[in-house]
Amino acid sequence: MRTELLKWLAFGTGVGIEIRDRDLQVAITRVRPGRVQVLGSATVPRFRERPAAEWGVELLAFLRKLGCAHIAATVLLPRQEVIVRQLQLPGVAKKDLPSAIAFQIDSLHPFPEEEAIYAWDRIAGTATVLIGITRREALDFYAALFVEAGIKIASITFSAATLYSAARIPADGPARPANFLALLETGDGFEAYGESEARPVFSATLDLPRDKVVELAASELRLAADTEPVPVSELLPRPALFPPNYDPAAESYERNALPYAASLAAACPWFSISGNLLPSEQRRTSSRARLIPTAALGVALLGMVGALVAQSKYEDARYLDLVRREIQKVEPRARTVEALERAMTRTRARAHLLDQVKSRSKADLDALQEVTRLLPPPGWLSGMQLTRTSLQINGETEQAAELLKVIDGSPLFRNSEFGMPIARVASGDVFQIRTQREEPK
């Protein structure tokens, strides 16, 4: 009965972004009572090598296409950049937990004191506190990167907190076992995640053979030696609607389990434990103005149900009047936010155009220098026309017949041809050559 009631609280939409070695993997998930849908997924390739403003425009366009540009994302740090620890603090009151953890935190990591950033939360119903620790330098780098890209982020977290939270979202599907070990294959080993009565949460990355990883993880969890690990994706609710790479029957579903889990945890934060490493002053929230239609419909529905149950027209009219007043208050703010977003988009486009104009001047100067190099003395030019895509030169040289081969041998020109027949004069050959310019890489 309690599980059925919890299903009606599973409501929301989340954006999860996993930071991988070279790419960003993005998943957008909508959670409704008893039903999960993966609305879309995207990959941002080579994000470390490309300008953040460039791939940020692409990612924002993808989010706008799905109507999710207003949602602040949950970002999942690479597992190798996070140290996961557990503290047993029996008998410590909730209000005393921060000072108790701060007292012991220096013994849980190898970083200098000022370089460590950590987040924690108590596992419900236990004396265990789950802690994630990372370097300030790494956290600041990723936070600044997303700010530069124009992507709003509400949380930067780690896989253990995300998997624990996502596995507890009530949805239709097989029940999660009480004791288990899950493995996720990485590029240089395995990430092990498990839960048991002995250890509420276990998370580690091990660069060992699979059977050795299972043996060590099962020992830590106090599970039987012959425990068979399950894929990480089996811990998560199976989506009812999904793009091809999130098909539960496909191999890619397991590879994308972490961004999917991050989007689930972001969609229903009230089922999640707190593992947010991002400082509170840097956290962004989803635009409330975008939620006005949903809030209005929800309040109207509650008013109608109340009217049917209580048979009171007064309550129904009171609720509707309240909604109208709230909408009138928020509408100016919503228009301001939309105007700012449009202005930011125009500014980025203008900056990109200015960068292109600057690069053209350099390309033209390079072309002039290359022509000077290709036509050595005593050759000379009597005329030259330079456009974005072509070059025409008129001049005189000792042997004009070889010029086409020389010009096409340059990386800046191609498809050279004579614009008129070569004319022989006393001092050499008079020529006219047309050639196409190579597009800059």
Protein backbone atom coordinates (compact mmCIF):
# COMPACT_ATOMS: atom_id res chain seq x y z
CA MET A 1 0.00 0.00 0.00
CA ARG A 2 2.81 2.41 0.92
CA THR A 3 4.57 1.68 -2.39
CA GLU A 4 1.41 2.46 -4.34
CA LEU A 5 1.08 5.78 -2.54
CA LEU A 6 4.73 6.65 -3.23
CA LYS A 7 4.18 6.11 -6.95
CA TRP A 8 1.91 9.15 -7.02
CA LEU A 9 4.80 11.29 -5.75
CA ALA A 10 7.05 10.19 -8.62
CA PHE A 11 6.51 13.21 -10.83
CA GLY A 12 9.05 15.41 -12.64
CA THR A 13 11.47 15.88 -15.53
CA GLY A 14 15.24 15.77 -15.16
CA VAL A 15 18.34 16.39 -17.27
CA GLY A 16 21.37 14.21 -16.48
CA ILE A 17 24.86 14.83 -17.92
CA GLU A 18 27.67 12.30 -17.46
CA ILE A 19 31.23 13.61 -17.91
CA ARG A 20 33.26 11.00 -19.77
CA ASP A 21 36.91 11.04 -20.86
CA ARG A 22 36.24 12.77 -24.19
CA ASP A 23 32.47 13.29 -24.44
CA LEU A 24 29.42 14.43 -22.50
CA GLN A 25 26.48 12.02 -22.50
CA VAL A 26 23.11 13.69 -21.92
CA ALA A 27 19.78 12.08 -21.02
CA ILE A 28 16.38 13.72 -20.47
CA THR A 29 13.85 11.70 -18.49
CA ARG A 30 10.22 12.32 -17.61
CA VAL A 31 8.83 10.52 -14.55
CA ARG A 32 5.13 10.06 -14.01
CA PRO A 33 3.32 7.85 -11.47
CA GLY A 34 4.27 4.29 -12.38
CA ARG A 35 5.81 5.29 -15.73
CA VAL A 36 9.24 6.52 -16.90
CA GLN A 37 10.03 7.95 -20.35
CA VAL A 38 13.43 8.85 -21.82
CA LEU A 39 12.49 11.88 -23.93
CA GLY A 40 15.84 12.12 -25.69
CA SER A 41 19.59 11.71 -25.48
CA ALA A 42 22.59 13.47 -26.99
CA THR A 43 26.36 13.18 -27.10
CA VAL A 44 28.62 16.24 -26.99
CA PRO A 45 31.86 15.02 -28.62
CA ARG A 46 35.34 16.30 -27.74
CA PHE A 47 33.99 18.83 -25.23
CA ARG A 48 37.45 19.34 -23.68
CA GLU A 49 39.00 20.32 -27.03
CA ARG A 50 36.21 22.55 -28.39
CA PRO A 51 35.23 26.02 -27.14
CA ALA A 52 32.52 25.71 -24.47
CA ALA A 53 30.43 28.42 -26.14
CA GLU A 54 30.37 26.34 -29.34
CA TRP A 55 29.12 23.04 -27.90
CA GLY A 56 26.95 24.95 -25.42
CA VAL A 57 24.91 26.40 -28.30
CA GLU A 58 24.44 22.88 -29.71
CA LEU A 59 23.34 21.46 -26.35
CA LEU A 60 20.96 24.35 -25.66
CA ALA A 61 19.38 23.84 -29.08
CA PHE A 62 18.82 20.17 -28.21
CA LEU A 63 17.26 21.06 -24.84
CA ARG A 64 15.01 23.70 -26.42
CA LYS A 65 13.86 21.21 -29.04
CA LEU A 66 12.56 18.99 -26.23
CA GLY A 67 11.20 21.93 -24.22
CA CYS A 68 13.71 21.42 -21.40
CA ALA A 69 16.04 24.44 -21.74
CA HIS A 70 14.65 25.87 -18.49
CA ILE A 71 15.60 22.77 -16.46
CA ALA A 72 18.84 22.96 -14.47
CA ALA A 73 20.89 19.81 -15.11
CA THR A 74 22.49 17.31 -12.75
CA VAL A 75 26.13 16.67 -13.72
CA LEU A 76 27.87 13.39 -12.89
CA LEU A 77 31.61 13.65 -12.21
CA PRO A 78 33.96 10.96 -13.58
CA ARG A 79 34.21 8.23 -10.94
CA GLN A 80 38.03 8.41 -10.89
CA GLU A 81 37.84 12.06 -9.76
CA VAL A 82 35.73 11.29 -6.66
CA ILE A 83 36.66 9.50 -3.45
CA VAL A 84 33.64 7.75 -1.87
CA ARG A 85 33.76 7.04 1.85
CA GLN A 86 31.36 5.90 4.57
CA LEU A 87 31.29 6.93 8.20
CA GLN A 88 29.53 5.06 10.97
CA LEU A 89 28.09 7.63 13.39
CA PRO A 90 25.69 5.80 15.69
CA GLY A 91 23.94 7.93 18.24
CA VAL A 92 24.88 11.25 16.59
CA ALA A 93 21.90 13.58 16.28
CA LYS A 94 21.09 15.08 12.89
CA LYS A 95 21.99 18.60 14.03
CA ASP A 96 25.44 17.38 15.18
CA LEU A 97 26.32 15.53 11.97
CA PRO A 98 28.05 18.46 10.17
CA SER A 99 30.52 19.06 13.00
CA ALA A 100 31.12 15.31 13.50
CA ILE A 101 31.91 14.84 9.81
CA ALA A 102 34.10 17.96 9.63
CA PHE A 103 36.09 16.60 12.58
CA GLN A 104 36.96 13.39 10.68
CA ILE A 105 37.01 14.53 7.03
CA ASP A 106 40.79 15.17 6.87
CA SER A 107 41.44 11.48 7.55
CA LEU A 108 39.30 10.38 4.59
CA HIS A 109 41.26 11.89 1.69
CA PRO A 110 44.86 12.64 0.63
CA PHE A 111 44.26 16.24 -0.52
CA PRO A 112 45.44 19.42 1.22
CA GLU A 113 42.72 20.75 3.50
CA GLU A 114 41.86 23.77 1.34
CA GLU A 115 41.75 21.62 -1.82
CA ALA A 116 39.03 19.19 -0.68
CA ILE A 117 35.33 19.66 -1.45
CA TYR A 118 32.89 17.15 0.01
CA ALA A 119 29.16 16.40 0.17
CA TRP A 120 27.36 13.95 2.44
CA ASP A 121 24.04 12.54 3.54
CA ARG A 122 22.88 9.92 6.02
CA ILE A 123 21.47 6.70 4.56
CA ALA A 124 17.87 6.54 5.74
CA GLY A 125 17.27 4.16 8.63
CA THR A 126 20.99 3.61 9.35
CA ALA A 127 23.90 5.18 11.22
CA THR A 128 25.92 5.30 7.97
CA VAL A 129 26.85 8.58 6.30
CA LEU A 130 27.78 8.47 2.60
CA ILE A 131 30.48 11.02 1.67
CA GLY A 132 31.83 12.06 -1.74
CA ILE A 133 35.11 14.01 -1.90
CA THR A 134 36.77 15.70 -4.88
CA ARG A 135 39.46 18.28 -5.56
CA ARG A 136 38.41 21.93 -5.62
CA GLU A 137 40.40 22.44 -8.83
CA ALA A 138 38.43 19.75 -10.70
CA LEU A 139 35.07 21.00 -9.41
CA ASP A 140 35.84 24.63 -10.29
CA PHE A 141 36.96 23.58 -13.78
CA TYR A 142 33.74 21.76 -14.62
CA ALA A 143 31.51 24.42 -13.00
CA ALA A 144 33.21 27.19 -15.00
CA LEU A 145 32.99 25.11 -18.17
CA PHE A 146 29.20 24.79 -17.94
CA VAL A 147 28.81 28.47 -17.06
CA GLU A 148 30.81 29.38 -20.16
CA ALA A 149 28.65 27.02 -22.22
CA GLY A 150 25.47 28.69 -20.92
CA ILE A 151 24.11 25.45 -19.39
CA LYS A 152 22.31 25.78 -16.06
CA ILE A 153 23.36 23.19 -13.49
CA ALA A 154 21.67 22.49 -10.18
CA SER A 155 24.00 19.76 -8.96
CA ILE A 156 27.43 18.22 -9.50
CA THR A 157 27.36 14.79 -7.90
CA PHE A 158 28.90 11.30 -8.01
CA SER A 159 27.74 7.87 -9.15
CA ALA A 160 27.17 6.23 -5.74
CA ALA A 161 24.65 8.88 -4.60
CA THR A 162 23.01 8.90 -8.04
CA LEU A 163 22.56 5.12 -8.27
CA TYR A 164 21.28 4.91 -4.70
CA SER A 165 18.69 7.62 -5.41
CA ALA A 166 17.60 6.48 -8.88
CA ALA A 167 17.10 2.88 -7.71
CA ARG A 168 14.49 4.07 -5.20
CA ILE A 169 12.14 5.85 -7.59
CA PRO A 170 8.90 3.85 -7.51
CA ALA A 171 7.90 2.61 -10.96
CA ASP A 172 6.49 -0.48 -12.61
CA GLY A 173 9.05 -3.25 -13.02
CA PRO A 174 10.93 -5.93 -11.07
CA ALA A 175 11.59 -5.21 -7.40
CA ARG A 176 15.13 -4.26 -6.39
CA PRO A 177 16.77 -6.98 -4.24
CA ALA A 178 17.82 -6.10 -0.68
CA ASN A 179 21.35 -7.50 -1.15
CA PHE A 180 23.11 -7.23 -4.48
CA LEU A 181 26.30 -6.39 -6.34
CA ALA A 182 26.22 -4.52 -9.66
CA LEU A 183 29.12 -4.05 -12.07
CA LEU A 184 29.62 -1.43 -14.77
CA GLU A 185 32.52 -1.92 -17.18
CA THR A 186 34.71 1.15 -17.69
CA GLY A 187 37.56 1.81 -20.05
CA ASP A 188 40.23 0.64 -17.59
CA GLY A 189 38.40 -1.75 -15.28
CA PHE A 190 35.09 -2.01 -13.46
CA GLU A 191 32.96 0.19 -11.24
CA ALA A 192 31.33 -1.87 -8.50
CA TYR A 193 28.19 -0.74 -6.68
CA GLY A 194 26.31 -2.76 -4.12
CA GLU A 195 24.03 -2.74 -1.10
CA SER A 196 23.65 -5.24 1.71
CA GLU A 197 22.57 -5.49 5.32
CA ALA A 198 26.23 -5.27 6.36
CA ARG A 199 27.01 -2.21 4.18
CA PRO A 200 24.12 0.05 3.12
CA VAL A 201 26.20 1.35 0.17
CA PHE A 202 29.43 0.16 -1.43
CA SER A 203 31.11 1.92 -4.36
CA ALA A 204 34.60 1.41 -5.82
CA THR A 205 36.51 1.40 -9.10
CA LEU A 206 38.93 -1.50 -9.54
CA ASP A 207 41.47 -2.08 -12.30
CA LEU A 208 41.35 -5.87 -11.89
CA PRO A 209 39.94 -8.90 -13.74
CA ARG A 210 36.20 -9.33 -13.42
CA ASP A 211 36.29 -12.39 -11.14
CA LYS A 212 38.71 -10.64 -8.78
CA VAL A 213 36.49 -7.54 -8.66
CA VAL A 214 33.48 -9.71 -7.80
CA GLU A 215 35.42 -11.50 -5.08
CA LEU A 216 36.64 -8.29 -3.43
CA ALA A 217 33.29 -6.47 -3.70
CA ALA A 218 31.32 -9.47 -2.37
CA SER A 219 33.72 -9.66 0.57
CA GLU A 220 33.20 -5.98 1.38
CA LEU A 221 29.42 -6.42 1.21
CA ARG A 222 29.54 -9.65 3.24
CA LEU A 223 27.78 -11.50 0.42
CA ALA A 224 28.25 -15.12 -0.57
CA ALA A 225 31.42 -15.85 -2.54
CA ASP A 226 29.38 -17.19 -5.47
CA THR A 227 27.27 -14.03 -5.75
CA GLU A 228 26.47 -13.28 -9.40
CA PRO A 229 26.70 -9.55 -10.15
CA VAL A 230 23.91 -7.82 -12.06
CA PRO A 231 24.22 -5.03 -14.65
CA VAL A 232 23.81 -1.53 -13.21
CA SER A 233 20.91 -0.90 -15.60
CA GLU A 234 18.81 -3.58 -13.84
CA LEU A 235 18.69 -1.40 -10.72
CA LEU A 236 16.86 1.38 -12.57
CA PRO A 237 13.22 1.64 -13.64
CA ARG A 238 12.78 0.41 -17.20
CA PRO A 239 11.59 3.21 -19.49
CA ALA A 240 8.28 2.75 -21.30
CA LEU A 241 9.31 5.17 -24.05
CA PHE A 242 12.89 5.61 -25.20
CA PRO A 243 15.23 6.47 -28.10
CA PRO A 244 17.11 3.55 -29.71
CA ASN A 245 20.22 3.86 -27.51
CA TYR A 246 18.06 3.54 -24.37
CA ASP A 247 16.27 0.39 -25.51
CA PRO A 248 16.53 -2.02 -22.52
CA ALA A 249 17.18 -4.83 -25.01
CA ALA A 250 20.20 -3.07 -26.56
CA GLU A 251 23.82 -3.16 -25.35
CA SER A 252 23.96 0.65 -25.35
CA TYR A 253 21.37 0.72 -22.53
CA GLU A 254 23.95 -0.50 -20.01
CA ARG A 255 26.61 1.93 -21.30
CA ASN A 256 24.16 4.82 -20.78
CA ALA A 257 23.00 3.69 -17.33
CA LEU A 258 24.77 6.51 -15.44
CA PRO A 259 23.37 9.53 -17.35
CA TYR A 260 19.95 7.83 -17.18
CA ALA A 261 20.33 7.42 -13.39
CA ALA A 262 21.39 11.08 -13.05
CA SER A 263 18.31 12.25 -14.96
CA LEU A 264 16.05 10.06 -12.78
CA ALA A 265 17.55 11.46 -9.58
CA ALA A 266 17.19 15.01 -10.96
CA ALA A 267 13.54 14.44 -11.90
CA CYS A 268 12.50 13.34 -8.39
CA PRO A 269 14.94 14.88 -5.88
CA TRP A 270 12.63 14.08 -2.95
CA PHE A 271 13.49 10.38 -3.41
CA SER A 272 17.22 11.18 -3.51
CA ILE A 273 20.02 11.52 -1.00
CA SER A 274 22.10 14.68 -1.14
CA GLY A 275 25.43 14.29 -2.91
CA ASN A 276 25.66 17.80 -4.36
CA LEU A 277 29.31 18.94 -4.44
CA LEU A 278 28.44 22.27 -6.09
CA PRO A 279 28.52 25.22 -3.64
CA SER A 280 25.03 26.48 -2.84
CA GLU A 281 25.68 29.95 -4.28
CA GLN A 282 26.46 28.42 -7.70
CA ARG A 283 23.40 26.17 -7.91
CA ARG A 284 20.73 27.06 -10.44
CA THR A 285 17.09 26.09 -10.21
CA SER A 286 14.60 25.48 -12.95
CA SER A 287 12.57 28.49 -14.02
CA ARG A 288 9.35 28.57 -12.02
CA ALA A 289 7.65 30.56 -14.72
CA ARG A 290 7.87 27.53 -16.99
CA LEU A 291 5.99 25.49 -14.41
CA ILE A 292 3.02 27.86 -14.22
CA PRO A 293 0.87 25.89 -16.71
CA THR A 294 1.51 22.64 -14.84
CA ALA A 295 0.92 24.31 -11.47
CA ALA A 296 -2.27 25.92 -12.74
CA LEU A 297 -3.60 22.61 -14.03
CA GLY A 298 -2.63 20.87 -10.81
CA VAL A 299 -4.35 23.42 -8.63
CA ALA A 300 -7.41 23.41 -10.88
CA LEU A 301 -7.56 19.61 -10.67
CA LEU A 302 -7.27 19.72 -6.88
CA GLY A 303 -10.00 22.35 -6.78
CA MET A 304 -12.31 20.20 -8.91
CA VAL A 305 -11.68 17.11 -6.76
CA GLY A 306 -12.29 19.20 -3.63
CA ALA A 307 -15.53 20.51 -5.13
CA LEU A 308 -16.73 17.01 -5.92
CA VAL A 309 -15.81 15.68 -2.48
CA ALA A 310 -16.90 18.61 -0.38
CA GLN A 311 -19.56 19.86 -2.83
CA SER A 312 -18.42 23.37 -2.12
CA LYS A 313 -18.41 25.91 -4.94
CA TYR A 314 -16.80 28.44 -2.64
CA GLU A 315 -13.55 26.47 -2.33
CA ASP A 316 -13.38 25.95 -6.08
CA ALA A 317 -13.76 29.69 -6.81
CA ARG A 318 -11.19 30.51 -4.12
CA TYR A 319 -8.56 28.24 -5.63
CA LEU A 320 -9.10 29.60 -9.14
CA ASP A 321 -8.81 33.17 -7.94
CA LEU A 322 -5.56 32.33 -6.17
CA VAL A 323 -4.12 30.82 -9.35
CA ARG A 324 -5.02 33.93 -11.37
CA ARG A 325 -3.29 36.21 -8.87
CA GLU A 326 -0.15 34.07 -8.86
CA ILE A 327 -0.04 34.02 -12.65
CA GLN A 328 -0.33 37.81 -12.79
CA LYS A 329 2.57 38.12 -10.33
CA VAL A 330 4.91 35.80 -12.22
CA GLU A 331 4.09 36.73 -15.83
CA PRO A 332 6.33 39.86 -15.90
CA ARG A 333 9.25 37.82 -14.58
CA ALA A 334 8.68 35.12 -17.18
CA ARG A 335 8.70 37.68 -19.98
CA THR A 336 11.91 39.21 -18.59
CA VAL A 337 13.64 35.82 -18.48
CA GLU A 338 12.62 35.00 -22.06
CA ALA A 339 13.83 38.40 -23.27
CA LEU A 340 17.18 37.88 -21.57
CA GLU A 341 17.57 34.45 -23.17
CA ARG A 342 16.87 35.90 -26.61
CA ALA A 343 19.36 38.72 -26.01
CA MET A 344 22.04 36.22 -24.92
CA THR A 345 21.48 34.15 -28.06
CA ARG A 346 21.81 37.22 -30.30
CA THR A 347 24.99 38.33 -28.48
CA ARG A 348 26.59 34.91 -28.95
CA ALA A 349 25.71 34.96 -32.65
CA ARG A 350 27.26 38.43 -33.09
CA ALA A 351 30.42 37.37 -31.27
CA HIS A 352 30.71 34.36 -33.55
CA LEU A 353 30.28 36.60 -36.62
CA LEU A 354 33.02 38.98 -35.38
CA ASP A 355 35.39 36.03 -34.91
CA GLN A 356 34.74 34.97 -38.52
CA VAL A 357 35.41 38.50 -39.82
CA LYS A 358 38.73 38.66 -37.93
CA SER A 359 39.83 35.33 -39.37
CA ARG A 360 39.12 36.53 -42.95
CA SER A 361 41.71 39.33 -42.76
CA LYS A 362 44.41 36.88 -41.74
CA ALA A 363 43.40 34.46 -44.50
CA ASP A 364 43.65 37.22 -47.11
CA LEU A 365 47.10 38.28 -45.90
CA ASP A 366 48.22 34.64 -45.98
CA ALA A 367 47.02 34.37 -49.60
CA LEU A 368 48.96 37.52 -50.63
CA GLN A 369 52.10 36.24 -48.94
CA GLU A 370 51.71 32.83 -50.63
CA VAL A 371 51.38 34.43 -54.12
CA THR A 372 54.54 36.47 -53.45
CA ARG A 373 56.37 33.27 -52.50
CA LEU A 374 55.12 31.27 -55.50
CA LEU A 375 56.11 33.96 -58.06
CA PRO A 376 59.81 34.68 -57.44
CA PRO A 377 61.73 37.42 -59.29
CA PRO A 378 62.08 38.37 -62.04
CA GLY A 379 58.35 37.53 -62.32
CA TRP A 380 55.90 40.31 -61.50
CA LEU A 381 52.16 40.99 -61.34
CA SER A 382 50.29 43.66 -63.20
CA GLY A 383 46.93 42.95 -61.59
CA MET A 384 45.23 40.81 -58.93
CA GLN A 385 41.59 40.19 -57.87
CA LEU A 386 41.05 38.43 -54.52
CA THR A 387 37.63 37.24 -53.31
CA ARG A 388 36.53 34.88 -50.52
CA THR A 389 36.64 31.89 -52.86
CA SER A 390 38.92 32.74 -55.80
CA LEU A 391 42.05 34.57 -56.96
CA GLN A 392 42.89 35.99 -60.40
CA ILE A 393 46.39 37.25 -61.22
CA ASN A 394 47.84 38.92 -64.34
CA GLY A 395 51.54 39.28 -64.84
CA GLU A 396 54.74 38.36 -66.59
CA THR A 397 57.39 35.72 -65.88
CA GLU A 398 60.14 33.86 -67.73
CA GLN A 399 58.23 30.52 -67.97
CA ALA A 400 54.45 30.76 -67.34
CA ALA A 401 53.63 27.14 -68.32
CA GLU A 402 54.86 25.75 -64.98
CA LEU A 403 52.85 28.17 -62.83
CA LEU A 404 49.65 26.04 -62.69
CA LYS A 405 51.52 23.12 -61.12
CA VAL A 406 53.34 25.45 -58.69
CA ILE A 407 50.12 27.19 -57.57
CA ASP A 408 48.14 23.95 -57.16
CA GLY A 409 50.99 22.64 -55.04
CA SER A 410 50.18 25.28 -52.42
CA PRO A 411 47.81 24.30 -49.59
CA LEU A 412 45.93 27.59 -50.12
CA PHE A 413 44.89 27.13 -53.78
CA ARG A 414 43.38 24.51 -56.07
CA ASN A 415 41.94 23.99 -59.59
CA SER A 416 44.20 26.60 -61.24
CA GLU A 417 43.70 27.42 -64.94
CA PHE A 418 44.82 30.00 -67.50
CA GLY A 419 42.26 32.72 -68.12
CA MET A 420 43.75 33.42 -71.59
CA PRO A 421 46.47 31.89 -73.78
CA ILE A 422 50.06 32.63 -72.79
CA ALA A 423 51.52 35.51 -74.83
CA ARG A 424 55.26 35.53 -75.52
CA VAL A 425 57.01 38.93 -75.37
CA ALA A 426 60.64 39.95 -75.45
CA SER A 427 61.12 39.78 -71.66
CA GLY A 428 59.13 36.56 -71.02
CA ASP A 429 55.56 35.17 -70.94
CA VAL A 430 52.46 37.28 -70.23
CA PHE A 431 49.79 35.25 -68.38
CA GLN A 432 46.39 35.40 -66.68
CA ILE A 433 45.60 32.67 -64.10
CA ARG A 434 42.39 31.95 -62.19
CA THR A 435 42.46 29.67 -59.11
CA GLN A 436 40.14 28.72 -56.28
CA ARG A 437 41.02 29.31 -52.64
CA GLU A 438 40.94 26.47 -50.15
CA GLU A 439 38.48 26.87 -47.29
CA PRO A 440 40.35 27.44 -43.99
CA LYS A 441 40.33 24.38 -41.69
